[in-house]
Amino acid sequence: MPTCREITELATDHREGALPLRRRLGVELHLARCADCRVYLDQMEETIRAVGLALRDWLPSDAARLIAARPAVR
């Protein structure tokens, strides 16, 4: 099972579904037991959402429409 430090290193790959099955299961087991890492990942998701919303306000409308049409990564 990965450590908390490893979870922070694997967070992006986990979010994008890019981890091999065994590694993904280890991360999910760790997350089931570690509230601090769940909070970390939740904060990361909120930051990504907030930055995405802020960028939409600054981008030309055509670019904002393209971003909005992109399927969410999970």
N, C-alpha and C. Protein backbone atom coordinates (compact mmCIF):
# COMPACT_ATOMS: atom_id res chain seq x y z
N MET A 1 0.85 -1.17 0.00
CA MET A 1 0.00 0.00 0.00
C MET A 1 0.90 1.24 0.00
N PRO A 2 0.57 2.25 -0.82
CA PRO A 2 1.40 3.45 -0.89
C PRO A 2 1.33 4.28 0.39
N THR A 3 2.37 5.06 0.60
CA THR A 3 2.41 5.98 1.73
C THR A 3 1.67 7.27 1.35
N CYS A 4 1.47 8.14 2.33
CA CYS A 4 0.84 9.44 2.07
C CYS A 4 1.67 10.24 1.05
N ARG A 5 2.96 10.21 1.20
CA ARG A 5 3.83 10.92 0.25
C ARG A 5 3.64 10.38 -1.17
N GLU A 6 3.56 9.06 -1.31
CA GLU A 6 3.34 8.46 -2.63
C GLU A 6 1.97 8.84 -3.20
N ILE A 7 0.97 8.97 -2.33
CA ILE A 7 -0.35 9.37 -2.79
C ILE A 7 -0.28 10.74 -3.45
N THR A 8 0.47 11.67 -2.84
CA THR A 8 0.58 13.01 -3.45
C THR A 8 1.27 12.93 -4.81
N GLU A 9 2.21 12.01 -4.96
CA GLU A 9 2.91 11.85 -6.23
C GLU A 9 2.03 11.16 -7.29
N LEU A 10 1.11 10.32 -6.84
CA LEU A 10 0.26 9.56 -7.75
C LEU A 10 -1.08 10.23 -8.02
N ALA A 11 -1.34 11.35 -7.36
CA ALA A 11 -2.67 11.96 -7.39
C ALA A 11 -3.14 12.27 -8.82
N THR A 12 -2.29 12.86 -9.63
CA THR A 12 -2.71 13.22 -10.99
C THR A 12 -3.00 11.98 -11.82
N ASP A 13 -2.12 10.99 -11.76
CA ASP A 13 -2.36 9.75 -12.52
C ASP A 13 -3.63 9.05 -12.03
N HIS A 14 -3.86 9.08 -10.73
CA HIS A 14 -5.08 8.47 -10.18
C HIS A 14 -6.31 9.20 -10.70
N ARG A 15 -6.27 10.52 -10.67
CA ARG A 15 -7.40 11.33 -11.15
C ARG A 15 -7.70 11.06 -12.61
N GLU A 16 -6.65 10.86 -13.41
CA GLU A 16 -6.81 10.65 -14.85
C GLU A 16 -7.06 9.20 -15.21
N GLY A 17 -7.09 8.32 -14.21
CA GLY A 17 -7.31 6.90 -14.49
C GLY A 17 -6.14 6.24 -15.19
N ALA A 18 -4.93 6.75 -14.96
CA ALA A 18 -3.75 6.28 -15.67
C ALA A 18 -2.90 5.28 -14.87
N LEU A 19 -3.38 4.86 -13.70
CA LEU A 19 -2.60 3.92 -12.90
C LEU A 19 -2.93 2.49 -13.29
N PRO A 20 -1.91 1.62 -13.26
CA PRO A 20 -2.20 0.20 -13.46
C PRO A 20 -3.13 -0.30 -12.34
N LEU A 21 -3.87 -1.34 -12.62
CA LEU A 21 -4.88 -1.85 -11.69
C LEU A 21 -4.33 -2.06 -10.28
N ARG A 22 -3.23 -2.74 -10.16
CA ARG A 22 -2.69 -3.04 -8.82
C ARG A 22 -2.36 -1.75 -8.05
N ARG A 23 -1.77 -0.78 -8.75
CA ARG A 23 -1.41 0.49 -8.11
C ARG A 23 -2.68 1.26 -7.74
N ARG A 24 -3.67 1.26 -8.64
CA ARG A 24 -4.92 1.96 -8.38
C ARG A 24 -5.62 1.39 -7.16
N LEU A 25 -5.64 0.06 -7.05
CA LEU A 25 -6.27 -0.57 -5.90
C LEU A 25 -5.54 -0.22 -4.60
N GLY A 26 -4.21 -0.14 -4.67
CA GLY A 26 -3.44 0.27 -3.50
C GLY A 26 -3.77 1.69 -3.08
N VAL A 27 -3.89 2.57 -4.06
CA VAL A 27 -4.24 3.97 -3.77
C VAL A 27 -5.63 4.03 -3.15
N GLU A 28 -6.57 3.31 -3.72
CA GLU A 28 -7.94 3.34 -3.20
C GLU A 28 -8.03 2.74 -1.80
N LEU A 29 -7.26 1.71 -1.53
CA LEU A 29 -7.23 1.14 -0.18
C LEU A 29 -6.66 2.17 0.80
N HIS A 30 -5.59 2.83 0.40
CA HIS A 30 -5.00 3.86 1.25
C HIS A 30 -6.03 4.97 1.52
N LEU A 31 -6.71 5.42 0.46
CA LEU A 31 -7.69 6.49 0.61
C LEU A 31 -8.85 6.08 1.52
N ALA A 32 -9.21 4.82 1.49
CA ALA A 32 -10.29 4.34 2.35
C ALA A 32 -9.90 4.44 3.83
N ARG A 33 -8.61 4.41 4.10
CA ARG A 33 -8.13 4.41 5.48
C ARG A 33 -7.56 5.76 5.94
N CYS A 34 -7.32 6.67 5.01
CA CYS A 34 -6.59 7.90 5.35
C CYS A 34 -7.41 9.15 5.01
N ALA A 35 -7.99 9.73 6.02
CA ALA A 35 -8.81 10.94 5.83
C ALA A 35 -7.96 12.11 5.32
N ASP A 36 -6.72 12.21 5.76
CA ASP A 36 -5.87 13.33 5.33
C ASP A 36 -5.64 13.28 3.81
N CYS A 37 -5.41 12.11 3.27
CA CYS A 37 -5.19 11.99 1.82
C CYS A 37 -6.48 12.24 1.04
N ARG A 38 -7.62 11.84 1.61
CA ARG A 38 -8.90 12.14 0.95
C ARG A 38 -9.11 13.65 0.90
N VAL A 39 -8.79 14.33 1.98
CA VAL A 39 -8.91 15.79 2.01
C VAL A 39 -7.97 16.41 0.98
N TYR A 40 -6.74 15.91 0.91
CA TYR A 40 -5.77 16.41 -0.07
C TYR A 40 -6.32 16.29 -1.48
N LEU A 41 -6.85 15.12 -1.83
CA LEU A 41 -7.38 14.93 -3.18
C LEU A 41 -8.62 15.78 -3.43
N ASP A 42 -9.46 15.94 -2.43
CA ASP A 42 -10.63 16.81 -2.57
C ASP A 42 -10.19 18.26 -2.81
N GLN A 43 -9.18 18.71 -2.08
CA GLN A 43 -8.67 20.06 -2.28
C GLN A 43 -8.06 20.24 -3.67
N MET A 44 -7.39 19.21 -4.14
CA MET A 44 -6.81 19.25 -5.48
C MET A 44 -7.92 19.40 -6.52
N GLU A 45 -9.00 18.63 -6.37
CA GLU A 45 -10.14 18.71 -7.29
C GLU A 45 -10.76 20.11 -7.26
N GLU A 46 -10.93 20.66 -6.08
CA GLU A 46 -11.51 22.00 -5.96
C GLU A 46 -10.62 23.05 -6.61
N THR A 47 -9.31 22.91 -6.45
CA THR A 47 -8.37 23.84 -7.07
C THR A 47 -8.46 23.76 -8.59
N ILE A 48 -8.51 22.55 -9.12
CA ILE A 48 -8.62 22.36 -10.57
C ILE A 48 -9.91 23.00 -11.08
N ARG A 49 -11.02 22.79 -10.37
CA ARG A 49 -12.29 23.39 -10.78
C ARG A 49 -12.21 24.92 -10.75
N ALA A 50 -11.65 25.46 -9.66
CA ALA A 50 -11.58 26.92 -9.51
C ALA A 50 -10.71 27.54 -10.61
N VAL A 51 -9.58 26.93 -10.89
CA VAL A 51 -8.71 27.46 -11.94
C VAL A 51 -9.41 27.37 -13.29
N GLY A 52 -10.10 26.28 -13.53
CA GLY A 52 -10.85 26.13 -14.78
C GLY A 52 -11.90 27.22 -14.95
N LEU A 53 -12.62 27.51 -13.87
CA LEU A 53 -13.63 28.57 -13.94
C LEU A 53 -13.00 29.94 -14.15
N ALA A 54 -11.89 30.19 -13.49
CA ALA A 54 -11.20 31.47 -13.64
C ALA A 54 -10.69 31.64 -15.06
N LEU A 55 -10.14 30.58 -15.63
CA LEU A 55 -9.61 30.66 -16.99
C LEU A 55 -10.71 30.93 -18.00
N ARG A 56 -11.88 30.36 -17.78
CA ARG A 56 -12.99 30.59 -18.72
C ARG A 56 -13.34 32.07 -18.81
N ASP A 57 -13.21 32.78 -17.69
CA ASP A 57 -13.51 34.21 -17.70
C ASP A 57 -12.47 35.01 -18.49
N TRP A 58 -11.25 34.50 -18.60
CA TRP A 58 -10.18 35.22 -19.26
C TRP A 58 -9.96 34.80 -20.70
N LEU A 59 -10.45 33.62 -21.07
CA LEU A 59 -10.21 33.12 -22.41
C LEU A 59 -11.23 33.69 -23.40
N PRO A 60 -10.85 33.77 -24.68
CA PRO A 60 -11.83 34.15 -25.69
C PRO A 60 -13.00 33.17 -25.67
N SER A 61 -14.16 33.61 -26.05
CA SER A 61 -15.37 32.77 -25.95
C SER A 61 -15.23 31.46 -26.73
N ASP A 62 -14.55 31.45 -27.87
CA ASP A 62 -14.37 30.21 -28.63
C ASP A 62 -13.57 29.19 -27.83
N ALA A 63 -12.52 29.63 -27.18
CA ALA A 63 -11.70 28.71 -26.37
C ALA A 63 -12.49 28.21 -25.18
N ALA A 64 -13.27 29.08 -24.56
CA ALA A 64 -14.07 28.67 -23.40
C ALA A 64 -15.10 27.62 -23.80
N ARG A 65 -15.69 27.75 -24.99
CA ARG A 65 -16.65 26.74 -25.46
C ARG A 65 -15.97 25.39 -25.68
N LEU A 66 -14.75 25.41 -26.21
CA LEU A 66 -14.02 24.16 -26.42
C LEU A 66 -13.72 23.46 -25.09
N ILE A 67 -13.28 24.23 -24.11
CA ILE A 67 -12.99 23.67 -22.79
C ILE A 67 -14.26 23.09 -22.17
N ALA A 68 -15.35 23.82 -22.28
CA ALA A 68 -16.62 23.36 -21.69
C ALA A 68 -17.11 22.08 -22.36
N ALA A 69 -16.82 21.90 -23.64
CA ALA A 69 -17.27 20.73 -24.39
C ALA A 69 -16.41 19.50 -24.13
N ARG A 70 -15.21 19.69 -23.60
CA ARG A 70 -14.29 18.58 -23.34
C ARG A 70 -14.85 17.68 -22.26
N PRO A 71 -14.84 16.37 -22.48
CA PRO A 71 -15.33 15.47 -21.42
C PRO A 71 -14.44 15.55 -20.18
N ALA A 72 -15.04 15.39 -19.04
CA ALA A 72 -14.30 15.41 -17.78
C ALA A 72 -13.40 14.19 -17.70
N VAL A 73 -12.21 14.40 -17.16
CA VAL A 73 -11.25 13.31 -16.97
C VAL A 73 -11.55 12.66 -15.61
N ARG A 74 -11.64 11.38 -15.60
CA ARG A 74 -11.88 10.65 -14.35
C ARG A 74 -11.20 9.34 -14.40
